[in-house]
Protein backbone atom coordinates (compact mmCIF):
# COMPACT_ATOMS: atom_id res chain seq x y z
CA MET A 1 -19.87 -15.16 -16.16
CA LYS A 2 -21.13 -11.82 -17.91
CA LEU A 3 -22.46 -11.97 -20.97
CA ARG A 4 -22.27 -8.82 -23.67
CA PHE A 5 -25.64 -8.06 -25.77
CA LEU A 6 -25.33 -8.65 -29.10
CA TYR A 7 -29.02 -8.08 -30.76
CA HIS A 8 -32.48 -9.14 -30.29
CA GLU A 9 -34.56 -11.72 -32.70
CA ALA A 10 -37.76 -14.11 -32.93
CA CYS A 11 -38.47 -16.59 -30.28
CA PRO A 12 -39.37 -20.14 -31.53
CA CYS A 13 -42.33 -20.16 -29.70
CA GLY A 14 -43.69 -18.09 -32.21
CA GLU A 15 -45.26 -15.38 -30.10
CA SER A 16 -43.08 -12.54 -30.04
CA ARG A 17 -40.35 -11.09 -33.12
CA ASP A 18 -37.64 -9.97 -31.05
CA ALA A 19 -38.30 -11.07 -27.36
CA VAL A 20 -34.47 -13.34 -27.64
CA ALA A 21 -31.80 -11.31 -26.42
CA VAL A 22 -28.63 -12.86 -28.21
CA SER A 23 -25.59 -12.16 -25.84
CA ARG A 24 -22.12 -13.26 -26.10
CA ARG A 25 -20.41 -14.77 -23.27
CA GLU A 26 -16.61 -13.55 -21.74
CA ASP A 27 -15.07 -16.62 -23.71
CA GLY A 28 -17.04 -15.43 -27.04
CA LYS A 29 -19.77 -18.50 -26.58
CA LEU A 30 -23.29 -16.97 -27.51
CA HIS A 31 -25.91 -17.34 -25.13
CA LYS A 32 -29.61 -16.76 -25.65
CA TYR A 33 -32.62 -16.21 -23.67
CA CYS A 34 -36.56 -15.19 -24.15
CA PHE A 35 -37.62 -12.30 -22.22
CA ARG A 36 -41.47 -12.74 -23.18
CA TYR A 37 -43.29 -13.18 -20.15
CA GLY A 38 -45.29 -16.95 -20.11
CA CYS A 39 -41.79 -17.86 -21.68
CA ARG A 40 -38.63 -16.78 -19.92
CA ARG A 41 -36.34 -19.96 -21.20
CA ARG A 42 -33.08 -20.13 -22.17
CA ILE A 43 -33.20 -21.20 -25.76
CA PHE A 44 -29.40 -21.76 -26.40
CA ASP A 45 -25.88 -21.42 -24.60
CA GLU A 46 -23.25 -22.51 -26.11
CA GLU A 47 -21.42 -23.61 -22.93
CA THR A 48 -24.35 -26.11 -22.27
CA GLY A 49 -26.13 -27.12 -25.63
CA PRO A 50 -29.90 -26.16 -26.88
CA ARG A 51 -32.38 -25.99 -23.81
CA GLU A 52 -35.97 -26.98 -25.30
CA GLN A 53 -37.75 -26.39 -21.74
CA GLU A 54 -41.77 -26.14 -21.97
CA HIS A 55 -43.42 -22.74 -21.69
CA GLN A 56 -44.86 -21.87 -18.41
CA GLU A 57 -48.38 -21.92 -18.95
CA GLU A 58 -50.30 -18.64 -19.06
CA SER A 59 -53.20 -18.85 -16.14
CA MET A 60 -54.89 -15.82 -17.52
CA LYS A 61 -56.33 -16.67 -20.81
CA ARG A 62 -57.40 -12.99 -22.41
CA ASP A 63 -56.82 -10.71 -25.69
CA ILE A 64 -55.90 -7.09 -25.75
CA ASN A 65 -59.50 -6.37 -26.76
CA SER A 66 -60.85 -8.35 -23.70
CA VAL A 67 -58.33 -6.56 -21.38
CA GLN A 68 -59.75 -3.17 -22.52
CA GLU A 69 -63.20 -4.22 -21.53
CA LEU A 70 -62.06 -4.39 -18.24
CA PRO A 71 -62.54 -1.33 -15.72
CA PHE A 72 -60.01 1.07 -14.40
CA ALA A 73 -59.74 1.09 -10.39
CA GLU A 74 -57.99 1.96 -7.47
CA ILE A 75 -55.67 -0.67 -5.84
CA LYS A 76 -56.12 -0.42 -2.63
CA GLN A 77 -53.03 -2.58 -1.52
CA ARG A 78 -50.55 -0.37 -3.19
CA GLY A 79 -52.49 3.05 -2.17
CA ILE A 80 -53.03 3.92 -5.77
CA ARG A 81 -56.49 6.11 -6.52
CA GLN A 82 -58.45 5.41 -9.63
CA GLU A 83 -57.88 8.77 -11.35
CA VAL A 84 -54.03 7.61 -11.42
CA THR A 85 -54.71 4.08 -13.13
CA GLU A 86 -57.05 5.81 -15.48
CA LYS A 87 -54.46 7.99 -16.43
CA TYR A 88 -51.43 5.32 -17.33
CA GLY A 89 -54.39 2.70 -18.39
CA VAL A 90 -54.10 0.02 -15.85
CA ARG A 91 -56.93 -2.10 -15.52
CA THR A 92 -58.47 -4.45 -12.84
CA GLU A 93 -59.45 -7.83 -13.39
CA PHE A 94 -62.13 -8.69 -10.27
CA ASP A 95 -63.36 -11.97 -9.25
CA GLU A 96 -66.92 -12.39 -10.09
CA GLU A 97 -68.04 -14.33 -6.77
CA SER A 98 -65.89 -12.45 -3.98
CA GLY A 99 -65.35 -8.91 -6.17
CA GLU A 100 -61.96 -8.96 -5.15
CA PRO A 101 -59.33 -7.69 -7.61
CA VAL A 102 -57.69 -10.96 -9.18
CA ALA A 103 -54.94 -9.80 -11.61
CA TYR A 104 -53.93 -6.28 -12.52
CA TYR A 105 -52.88 -5.23 -16.41
CA PHE A 106 -50.46 -2.67 -17.35
CA PRO A 107 -50.41 -1.48 -20.99
CA VAL A 108 -47.21 -2.14 -23.09
CA THR A 109 -46.97 0.41 -26.19
CA ARG A 110 -44.81 0.08 -29.11
CA ASP A 111 -44.64 3.89 -31.23
CA GLY A 112 -47.56 5.05 -28.97
CA SER A 113 -50.14 2.20 -29.90
CA ILE A 114 -51.24 -0.87 -27.44
CA VAL A 115 -49.38 -3.98 -28.51
CA GLY A 116 -49.86 -6.24 -25.19
CA TYR A 117 -50.34 -6.20 -21.64
CA LYS A 118 -47.82 -7.20 -18.67
CA GLY A 119 -50.61 -8.92 -16.23
CA ARG A 120 -49.61 -9.47 -12.56
CA LYS A 121 -51.72 -11.52 -10.44
CA VAL A 122 -52.96 -10.34 -6.90
CA ASN A 123 -52.08 -13.44 -4.59
CA ALA A 124 -49.71 -15.60 -6.50
CA GLU A 125 -47.73 -17.62 -4.20
CA LYS A 126 -44.31 -17.71 -6.13
CA LYS A 127 -42.52 -14.56 -7.83
CA LYS A 128 -42.22 -16.90 -11.04
CA GLU A 129 -46.13 -17.51 -11.17
CA ARG A 130 -46.99 -13.66 -10.63
CA PHE A 131 -46.50 -12.39 -13.92
CA PHE A 132 -48.10 -13.13 -17.15
CA GLY A 133 -48.48 -11.75 -20.75
CA VAL A 134 -51.37 -10.50 -23.42
CA GLY A 135 -50.64 -10.03 -26.58
CA SER A 136 -46.84 -9.03 -27.70
CA LEU A 137 -44.35 -7.97 -24.68
CA SER A 138 -41.08 -7.52 -26.63
CA SER A 139 -41.40 -3.70 -26.59
CA ALA A 140 -38.71 -1.39 -24.79
CA GLU A 141 -40.78 1.09 -24.34
CA PHE A 142 -41.05 2.53 -21.07
CA PHE A 143 -44.12 2.19 -19.05
CA GLY A 144 -46.21 5.66 -19.43
CA LYS A 145 -44.36 6.59 -21.84
CA SER A 146 -47.41 7.55 -24.40
CA GLU A 147 -48.78 9.66 -21.56
CA VAL A 148 -45.70 11.80 -21.47
CA GLY A 149 -44.68 12.48 -25.17
CA GLU A 150 -41.19 13.65 -25.64
CA ASN A 151 -38.64 16.92 -25.64
CA GLY A 152 -39.97 18.14 -22.03
CA LYS A 153 -37.71 19.99 -19.61
CA PHE A 154 -38.76 17.07 -16.76
CA LEU A 155 -38.74 13.42 -16.28
CA ILE A 156 -39.07 11.44 -13.81
CA VAL A 157 -37.98 7.47 -14.30
CA THR A 158 -38.85 4.59 -12.01
CA GLU A 159 -37.66 1.00 -11.60
CA GLY A 160 -41.17 -0.26 -11.80
CA GLU A 161 -44.76 0.36 -12.52
CA PHE A 162 -46.26 0.35 -8.85
CA ASP A 163 -43.65 2.94 -8.41
CA ALA A 164 -44.71 5.25 -11.22
CA LEU A 165 -48.02 5.09 -10.57
CA ALA A 166 -47.17 5.75 -6.60
CA VAL A 167 -44.55 8.89 -7.75
CA TYR A 168 -47.17 10.50 -9.72
CA GLN A 169 -49.75 10.54 -7.05
CA MET A 170 -47.58 11.84 -4.59
CA ILE A 171 -46.77 14.60 -6.72
CA LEU A 172 -50.36 15.19 -8.06
CA ASP A 173 -51.13 15.90 -4.11
CA GLN A 174 -48.84 18.71 -4.51
CA GLY A 175 -50.33 20.14 -7.05
CA ARG A 176 -48.11 19.53 -9.54
CA ARG A 177 -48.39 17.17 -12.65
CA TYR A 178 -44.34 16.11 -13.63
CA ARG A 179 -44.00 13.09 -16.25
CA VAL A 180 -43.22 9.94 -14.40
CA VAL A 181 -42.26 6.57 -16.34
CA SER A 182 -40.70 3.44 -15.56
CA VAL A 183 -38.32 1.45 -17.02
CA PRO A 184 -39.98 -1.74 -18.59
CA SER A 185 -38.34 -4.77 -16.98
CA GLY A 186 -36.69 -3.48 -13.58
CA ALA A 187 -33.27 -2.10 -13.22
CA ASN A 188 -31.75 -3.14 -16.20
CA LEU A 189 -29.35 -0.37 -18.40
CA GLU A 190 -29.92 -1.95 -21.85
CA THR A 191 -33.31 -0.44 -21.60
CA PHE A 192 -31.84 3.01 -21.06
CA ARG A 193 -29.47 2.68 -24.27
CA GLN A 194 -32.19 1.19 -26.04
CA ASN A 195 -34.21 4.55 -25.48
CA TYR A 196 -31.47 6.78 -25.32
CA GLU A 197 -32.76 9.23 -27.96
CA TRP A 198 -36.13 9.80 -26.45
CA LEU A 199 -34.81 9.91 -23.04
CA ASN A 200 -32.21 12.52 -23.95
CA SER A 201 -34.80 14.85 -25.73
CA PHE A 202 -35.73 15.79 -21.88
CA GLU A 203 -33.92 19.07 -20.48
CA GLN A 204 -33.76 17.09 -16.87
CA ILE A 205 -33.91 13.36 -15.67
CA VAL A 206 -34.46 12.34 -12.39
CA LEU A 207 -33.88 8.68 -11.60
CA CYS A 208 -35.97 7.52 -8.89
CA THR A 209 -34.78 3.46 -8.42
CA ASP A 210 -34.87 0.84 -5.74
CA GLN A 211 -33.20 1.74 -2.50
CA ASP A 212 -31.28 -1.30 -2.70
CA GLU A 213 -27.48 -2.22 -4.27
CA ASP A 214 -28.99 -2.92 -7.77
CA GLY A 215 -30.90 -0.06 -8.05
CA ARG A 216 -28.46 2.43 -6.93
CA ARG A 217 -26.18 0.93 -9.38
CA VAL A 218 -28.63 0.70 -12.32
CA ALA A 219 -29.35 4.91 -11.55
CA ASN A 220 -25.37 5.70 -11.42
CA ASP A 221 -24.34 3.71 -14.35
CA ALA A 222 -27.47 5.11 -16.69
CA ALA A 223 -26.45 8.81 -15.63
CA ASP A 224 -22.93 8.29 -17.03
CA LEU A 225 -24.78 7.66 -20.54
CA PHE A 226 -25.64 11.05 -20.48
CA GLN A 227 -23.78 14.28 -20.77
CA PRO A 228 -22.77 15.51 -17.10
CA GLY A 229 -25.30 17.84 -15.11
CA LYS A 230 -28.19 15.85 -17.14
CA ILE A 231 -29.06 13.45 -14.75
CA LYS A 232 -30.38 13.88 -10.73
CA ILE A 233 -30.41 10.89 -8.46
CA VAL A 234 -33.23 10.49 -5.49
CA HIS A 235 -32.18 9.23 -2.37
CA PHE A 236 -35.21 8.32 0.33
CA SER A 237 -35.38 6.14 3.11
CA GLU A 238 -37.84 3.20 2.01
CA LYS A 239 -36.90 0.70 -0.45
CA ASP A 240 -38.90 1.73 -3.36
CA ALA A 241 -41.37 5.00 -3.80
CA ASN A 242 -44.63 2.77 -3.76
CA ASP A 243 -43.06 1.85 0.32
CA MET A 244 -43.01 5.56 0.34
CA LEU A 245 -46.53 6.61 -0.45
CA LEU A 246 -47.78 3.39 1.91
CA LYS A 247 -46.07 4.16 4.81
CA GLY A 248 -47.19 7.67 4.87
CA LYS A 249 -43.86 9.37 3.65
CA GLN A 250 -45.19 11.98 1.00
CA GLN A 251 -44.26 15.13 2.41
CA GLU A 252 -40.30 13.42 2.54
CA PHE A 253 -40.52 12.06 -0.61
CA TRP A 254 -41.21 15.37 -1.75
CA ARG A 255 -38.30 16.89 -0.11
CA ALA A 256 -36.39 13.75 -1.27
CA LEU A 257 -37.53 14.58 -4.87
CA SER A 258 -36.92 18.70 -4.42
CA ASN A 259 -33.37 17.88 -3.04
CA ALA A 260 -32.42 14.94 -5.89
CA ARG A 261 -28.58 15.86 -6.09
CA THR A 262 -27.26 16.07 -9.33
CA LYS A 263 -24.64 13.09 -11.06
CA THR A 264 -21.50 15.25 -11.24
CA PRO A 265 -17.75 13.70 -12.25
CA ASP A 266 -15.48 13.80 -9.28
CA GLY A 267 -13.89 16.56 -7.98
CA ILE A 268 -10.79 18.33 -8.32
CA VAL A 269 -7.37 16.13 -6.44
CA SER A 270 -4.06 16.78 -4.80
CA ILE A 271 -1.09 15.13 -6.54
CA ARG A 272 0.12 13.50 -3.16
CA ASP A 273 -3.40 11.83 -3.53
CA THR A 274 -2.74 10.53 -6.96
CA TYR A 275 0.10 7.91 -6.34
CA ASP A 276 -2.35 4.43 -5.85
CA ARG A 277 -4.44 6.07 -8.96
CA LEU A 278 -0.99 6.26 -11.07
CA LEU A 279 -0.10 2.24 -10.14
CA ASN A 280 -3.28 1.32 -11.08
CA ARG A 281 -3.80 3.36 -14.21
CA PRO A 282 -5.02 1.22 -16.95
CA GLN A 283 -2.77 1.26 -19.68
CA ILE A 284 -3.37 2.75 -22.90
CA ASN A 285 -3.90 0.39 -25.57
CA SER A 286 -3.54 1.49 -29.16
CA ILE A 287 -4.84 -0.38 -32.37
CA LYS A 288 -2.54 -0.87 -34.90
CA TYR A 289 -2.86 0.55 -38.29
CA PRO A 290 -2.81 -2.62 -41.05
CA GLU A 291 -0.10 -4.61 -40.87
CA ASP A 292 1.28 -3.40 -44.25
CA TRP A 293 1.14 0.22 -43.31
CA GLU A 294 4.49 -0.20 -41.00
CA GLN A 295 5.60 3.82 -40.77
CA MET A 296 2.42 4.88 -39.75
CA ASN A 297 2.57 2.22 -37.12
CA GLU A 298 6.23 2.93 -36.01
CA LYS A 299 5.63 6.75 -36.20
CA THR A 300 1.95 6.70 -34.03
CA TYR A 301 1.51 3.14 -32.12
CA GLY A 302 -1.81 3.14 -33.84
CA MET A 303 -5.23 4.31 -33.01
CA ARG A 304 -6.45 4.94 -29.62
CA LEU A 305 -9.85 5.24 -27.59
CA SER A 306 -10.81 9.03 -26.38
CA GLU A 307 -8.42 10.39 -29.36
CA LEU A 308 -10.02 12.56 -32.35
CA ASP A 309 -7.57 12.13 -35.57
CA VAL A 310 -8.06 14.10 -38.85
CA TRP A 311 -7.45 13.48 -42.26
CA THR A 312 -6.40 15.78 -44.71
CA GLY A 313 -6.08 15.94 -48.42
CA GLY A 314 -6.92 17.60 -51.51
CA THR A 315 -9.94 16.76 -53.48
CA SER A 316 -10.28 13.20 -54.88
CA ILE A 317 -7.32 12.25 -53.12
CA GLY A 318 -8.63 9.22 -51.67
CA LYS A 319 -9.64 10.20 -48.40
CA SER A 320 -12.86 8.53 -48.27
CA LEU A 321 -11.27 5.18 -49.32
CA ILE A 322 -8.67 5.41 -46.38
CA ALA A 323 -11.70 5.90 -44.01
CA LYS A 324 -13.49 3.15 -45.12
CA MET A 325 -10.38 0.56 -45.17
CA LEU A 326 -9.21 2.00 -41.68
CA LEU A 327 -13.62 1.05 -40.11
CA HIS A 328 -12.92 -2.57 -42.26
CA HIS A 329 -9.82 -2.87 -40.62
CA LEU A 330 -11.34 -2.29 -37.18
CA TYR A 331 -14.28 -4.42 -37.73
CA HIS A 332 -12.17 -7.39 -37.91
CA ASN A 333 -8.85 -6.47 -35.79
CA THR A 334 -11.34 -5.37 -32.73
CA GLY A 335 -14.46 -6.80 -32.17
CA ASP A 336 -16.21 -3.93 -31.20
CA ASN A 337 -18.59 -1.78 -33.31
CA VAL A 338 -18.16 0.69 -35.64
CA GLY A 339 -19.97 3.65 -37.12
CA ALA A 340 -19.84 5.30 -40.06
CA ILE A 341 -21.03 8.83 -40.64
CA PHE A 342 -20.42 9.59 -44.70
CA LEU A 343 -22.37 12.71 -45.24
CA GLU A 344 -21.46 12.90 -49.05
CA GLU A 345 -23.43 9.46 -50.52
CA SER A 346 -25.80 6.87 -49.40
CA VAL A 347 -25.72 4.24 -47.07
CA GLU A 348 -26.22 1.96 -50.30
CA ASP A 349 -23.07 3.57 -51.95
CA THR A 350 -20.85 2.48 -48.20
CA VAL A 351 -22.34 -0.75 -47.62
CA GLU A 352 -21.23 -1.90 -51.08
CA ASP A 353 -17.85 -0.09 -51.05
CA MET A 354 -17.54 -1.87 -47.51
CA MET A 355 -18.53 -5.46 -48.93
CA GLY A 356 -16.56 -4.44 -51.73
CA LEU A 357 -13.30 -4.12 -49.45
CA GLU A 358 -14.09 -7.49 -47.93
CA ALA A 359 -14.37 -9.47 -50.82
CA GLY A 360 -11.98 -7.67 -53.69
CA ILE A 361 -14.69 -6.71 -55.81
CA ARG A 362 -15.94 -3.49 -57.12
CA PHE A 363 -19.34 -4.09 -56.85
CA ARG A 364 -20.36 -0.38 -58.14
CA LEU A 365 -18.70 -0.39 -61.69
CA PRO A 366 -20.80 -1.62 -64.44
CA ASP A 367 -18.19 -4.26 -65.09
CA SER A 368 -18.34 -6.04 -61.88
CA ARG A 369 -22.02 -5.32 -61.61
CA GLU A 370 -22.20 -7.55 -64.31
CA ARG A 371 -20.48 -10.29 -63.05
CA PHE A 372 -21.70 -10.34 -59.97
CA PRO A 373 -25.15 -8.55 -59.55
CA PRO A 374 -27.10 -8.01 -56.42
CA GLY A 375 -28.39 -11.39 -55.66
CA SER A 376 -25.48 -13.37 -56.84
CA GLU A 377 -23.59 -15.88 -54.38
CA GLU A 378 -20.34 -13.65 -54.06
CA TYR A 379 -22.82 -10.49 -53.25
CA ASN A 380 -24.62 -12.26 -50.37
CA GLU A 381 -21.57 -13.88 -49.39
CA ALA A 382 -19.62 -10.34 -49.05
CA PHE A 383 -22.76 -8.93 -47.51
CA ARG A 384 -23.21 -11.90 -45.17
CA LYS A 385 -19.35 -11.29 -43.89
CA ILE A 386 -19.82 -7.81 -43.21
CA SER A 387 -23.34 -8.21 -41.37
CA GLU A 388 -23.50 -11.17 -39.75
CA ASP A 389 -22.54 -9.95 -35.94
CA ASN A 390 -24.44 -6.62 -36.88
CA ARG A 391 -21.26 -4.37 -35.59
CA LEU A 392 -20.98 -1.77 -38.43
CA HIS A 393 -23.82 1.51 -38.02
CA LEU A 394 -24.30 3.69 -40.77
CA PHE A 395 -25.96 7.46 -40.20
CA ASP A 396 -28.52 7.14 -43.07
CA HIS A 397 -28.21 11.19 -44.36
CA PHE A 398 -26.87 12.95 -47.12
CA GLY A 399 -25.82 16.53 -47.54
CA SER A 400 -25.37 19.10 -44.39
CA ILE A 401 -26.93 19.34 -41.15
CA SER A 402 -28.51 22.29 -39.88
CA GLU A 403 -27.65 21.83 -35.96
CA ASP A 404 -24.61 20.04 -35.06
CA SER A 405 -26.43 19.31 -31.78
CA LYS A 406 -28.46 16.79 -33.97
CA LEU A 407 -25.36 15.44 -35.08
CA LEU A 408 -23.75 14.93 -31.70
CA ASN A 409 -26.78 13.10 -30.78
CA LYS A 410 -26.07 10.56 -33.19
CA ILE A 411 -22.78 10.02 -31.95
CA ARG A 412 -24.43 10.01 -28.73
CA PHE A 413 -26.45 7.32 -29.88
CA MET A 414 -24.12 5.28 -31.99
CA ALA A 415 -21.64 4.96 -28.58
CA ASN A 416 -24.04 4.67 -26.17
CA GLY A 417 -27.31 3.36 -27.89
CA LEU A 418 -24.75 0.89 -30.13
CA GLY A 419 -22.03 0.29 -29.05
CA CYS A 420 -19.62 1.93 -31.06
CA LYS A 421 -16.19 2.36 -30.14
CA TYR A 422 -14.61 3.61 -33.47
CA ILE A 423 -16.72 6.34 -35.81
CA PHE A 424 -15.47 7.84 -38.83
CA LEU A 425 -17.18 11.57 -40.17
CA ASP A 426 -16.71 12.44 -43.45
CA HIS A 427 -16.25 15.38 -43.52
CA LEU A 428 -16.34 18.60 -41.45
CA SER A 429 -16.96 21.03 -44.11
CA ILE A 430 -20.04 19.92 -45.28
CA ILE A 431 -21.66 20.28 -41.64
CA VAL A 432 -20.98 23.58 -41.21
CA SER A 433 -21.20 24.40 -45.26
CA GLU A 434 -24.38 26.54 -44.73
CA PHE A 435 -22.81 28.82 -42.40
CA ALA A 436 -20.04 29.94 -44.99
CA ASP A 437 -22.19 32.89 -46.46
CA GLU A 438 -22.82 34.45 -43.39
CA GLY A 439 -18.98 34.74 -42.41
CA GLU A 440 -19.29 32.00 -39.60
CA GLU A 441 -17.38 29.33 -40.79
CA ARG A 442 -14.59 29.69 -38.67
CA THR A 443 -16.33 30.65 -35.30
CA LYS A 444 -18.61 27.18 -36.06
CA ILE A 445 -15.86 25.07 -36.49
CA ASP A 446 -13.92 26.30 -33.28
CA SER A 447 -17.63 25.44 -31.58
CA LEU A 448 -17.74 22.32 -33.28
CA MET A 449 -14.44 20.70 -32.81
CA THR A 450 -14.56 21.61 -29.41
CA LYS A 451 -17.49 19.61 -28.51
CA LEU A 452 -15.89 16.82 -30.71
CA LYS A 453 -13.33 16.55 -28.82
CA ARG A 454 -15.16 16.29 -25.59
CA LEU A 455 -17.34 13.72 -26.94
CA THR A 456 -14.40 11.55 -27.01
CA GLN A 457 -13.36 11.69 -23.99
CA GLU A 458 -16.44 11.64 -22.34
CA LEU A 459 -17.91 8.57 -24.45
CA ASN A 460 -14.25 6.93 -24.54
CA ILE A 461 -14.45 6.31 -28.50
CA TRP A 462 -12.22 7.02 -31.31
CA LEU A 463 -13.58 9.41 -33.62
CA GLY A 464 -11.70 9.67 -37.44
CA LEU A 465 -12.68 13.25 -39.01
CA ALA A 466 -12.29 13.99 -42.61
CA VAL A 467 -11.32 17.81 -43.44
CA HIS A 468 -10.94 19.54 -46.37
CA LEU A 469 -7.91 21.95 -47.39
CA ARG A 470 -8.26 25.64 -48.25
CA LYS A 471 -7.14 26.37 -51.63
CA ALA A 472 -3.62 26.80 -52.27
CA THR A 473 -2.22 29.99 -53.24
CA GLY A 474 1.23 31.11 -55.00
CA GLY A 475 2.36 29.58 -58.03
CA GLY A 476 4.04 26.20 -56.71
CA ARG A 477 1.71 22.97 -57.60
CA SER A 478 -1.99 22.21 -56.05
CA PHE A 479 -2.72 19.59 -53.74
CA GLU A 480 -4.21 18.05 -56.46
CA GLU A 481 -0.68 17.90 -58.63
CA GLY A 482 1.25 16.04 -55.37
CA GLU A 483 1.60 19.06 -53.20
CA VAL A 484 1.84 17.75 -49.50
CA PRO A 485 -0.11 19.46 -47.14
CA THR A 486 0.42 21.67 -43.79
CA LEU A 487 -1.15 22.13 -40.63
CA ASP A 488 -1.90 25.69 -41.97
CA ASP A 489 -3.59 24.32 -44.86
CA LEU A 490 -6.58 22.91 -43.16
CA ARG A 491 -9.66 24.88 -44.14
CA GLY A 492 -11.98 26.99 -41.75
CA SER A 493 -9.99 27.26 -38.24
CA ALA A 494 -6.60 27.05 -36.34
CA GLY A 495 -8.89 24.84 -33.89
CA ILE A 496 -8.83 21.89 -35.84
CA LYS A 497 -4.97 21.26 -35.48
CA GLN A 498 -4.93 22.72 -31.76
CA LEU A 499 -7.79 20.09 -30.77
CA ALA A 500 -7.30 16.80 -32.90
CA ASN A 501 -4.52 14.18 -31.18
CA SER A 502 -3.01 13.74 -34.32
CA VAL A 503 -3.51 15.23 -38.04
CA PHE A 504 -2.72 13.36 -41.47
CA GLY A 505 -2.40 14.58 -44.47
CA VAL A 506 -2.71 12.63 -47.71
CA SER A 507 -0.75 13.74 -51.09
CA ARG A 508 -1.53 12.02 -54.84
CA ASP A 509 -0.78 13.64 -58.25
CA LEU A 510 -3.80 12.96 -60.04
CA THR A 511 -2.13 14.58 -63.33
CA HIS A 512 1.13 12.35 -63.36
CA PRO A 513 1.49 10.67 -67.01
CA ASP A 514 2.34 7.15 -65.27
CA GLY A 515 -0.66 5.54 -64.49
CA ARG A 516 0.30 3.56 -61.51
CA VAL A 517 1.85 7.01 -59.89
CA ARG A 518 -1.61 8.62 -60.09
CA ASN A 519 -2.85 5.75 -57.90
CA GLN A 520 -0.30 6.35 -55.00
CA SER A 521 -1.74 8.28 -51.93
CA HIS A 522 1.68 9.13 -49.72
CA LEU A 523 0.72 9.67 -46.03
CA HIS A 524 2.41 12.03 -43.79
CA VAL A 525 2.19 12.56 -40.13
CA LEU A 526 1.78 16.23 -39.41
CA LYS A 527 0.84 15.74 -35.90
CA CYS A 528 0.75 12.90 -33.19
CA ARG A 529 0.18 14.10 -29.68
CA PHE A 530 1.00 10.76 -28.25
CA THR A 531 4.35 10.11 -29.58
CA GLY A 532 5.60 13.32 -31.11
CA SER A 533 6.56 11.90 -34.20
CA THR A 534 5.89 13.55 -37.70
CA GLY A 535 6.97 13.44 -40.92
CA ALA A 536 6.40 11.55 -44.40
CA ALA A 537 5.08 7.77 -43.78
CA ASP A 538 3.63 4.62 -45.74
CA THR A 539 2.58 5.18 -49.71
CA LEU A 540 -0.64 3.33 -50.41
CA GLU A 541 -1.48 2.11 -53.95
CA PHE A 542 -4.75 2.05 -55.10
CA ASP A 543 -5.51 -1.64 -56.86
CA PRO A 544 -8.65 -0.63 -59.70
CA GLN A 545 -9.26 -4.56 -59.54
CA THR A 546 -9.95 -5.13 -56.19
CA GLY A 547 -10.55 -1.11 -54.90
CA ARG A 548 -7.96 -1.66 -52.06
CA LEU A 549 -5.35 0.19 -50.76
CA HIS A 550 -1.52 -1.57 -49.87
CA ALA A 551 1.75 -0.24 -48.98
CA VAL A 552 4.42 -0.26 -51.44
CA SER A 553 8.09 1.36 -51.28
CA ASP A 554 7.96 4.77 -52.47
């Protein structure tokens, strides 16, 4: 049964703070397993119950300091020279009587510092007895990461430490010095997710995994995490790179590396070849809006992955609250991770508002803060409910972003690294605000909208985007007096209405003498590419006591 990774936690053995992978089974039950060398036990599984098997005994009783006193040496049985082991900090332990090597120690780093060593015995009879650990092995950093740095042009990724050493040596023999690393725990797609931002800092990544079924599958799956053209995959005749070195196929490997194929999307097809694909086409699933948003659901059928939806309205109309209502709704009705990028407020404000929607308490207001201060039972319970499974992820940033590439990479990381399927970005104008005085705002918006649209399809995510309106002209009402916006009122560029899958306008009369009317926001479907339906939709009334919106008769 497949497992879906959720988060890491400490192992009861006390040796590592985050070695236990907590996953959810297909049937919804939890599964906990410790990956620390020397432990490797299943701690809990709701299918079979708790398991308390004993730790495996580590035969090598060393600490980090004693390992660092061991020498760098050639690894004859692997064909690795001493200059290479010294480059990567790999140390060898020798038997005092025979002088033969008994174990190799590969450094494990965290934030560039050595926190432990992955030990490997030379002549262990059984595979499970071959490995052991010194210090902490919980880091997910790639082997060699501290040596290669980041932001380079070219990075080679192998599946094992010996393969990384072998590849570096074969390249060195060609008079080159490419950067080579290895995944920390074999062919594991999760390690690519955890190191996504660092990997993505390189212009080109070459995957040199094992040439078996598992290695090829992980190479292709890992390539799909990145933008097309970023990844190349090496194919060669032996099982792994170290075997190529041992069998004297250095020149063949160099040619394979030079001819590595760029992983690209599938090509063009003819219509007569598409019928089977039509029969097997996945159903397009829509996530309904809140149940009482009846007209929105009738006109649009809800939200869909791979779509970019725009929300617009005048100043202080309530766009941010609608965004939080949608995220709260998605959080409770999809089981997927959701992301919040709110550029005009702090993470603390966003979290307390989400807690307020959960509890029906406006925690940020002074009178509520007196009754339910931070640390109170109600405050803690609200936080627990929205954080217990760690599915809400936020961008900790305030103000504009100087480069849209940074924003796009954050969205990529939320999707690929954190598994967010629904992300709301509030708002577009602040991203391009620094270009307004230069007369480049329209060009910038066109470019950014195109990139955001491509991201939704590439990453298969839903992206909600708040957009401001241009200033109203003429003698009519302003948007803050209840004027209904149109597609032509979107601020900045026609690219917004052209590229969005749906556009929703929010109108509200902030000046009306009736307080209840002032608290009513009217939703309008300005565009829906999926259904083609448009027009007035639901009226949402703000409840000043709970901070929530609920649909009412207009």
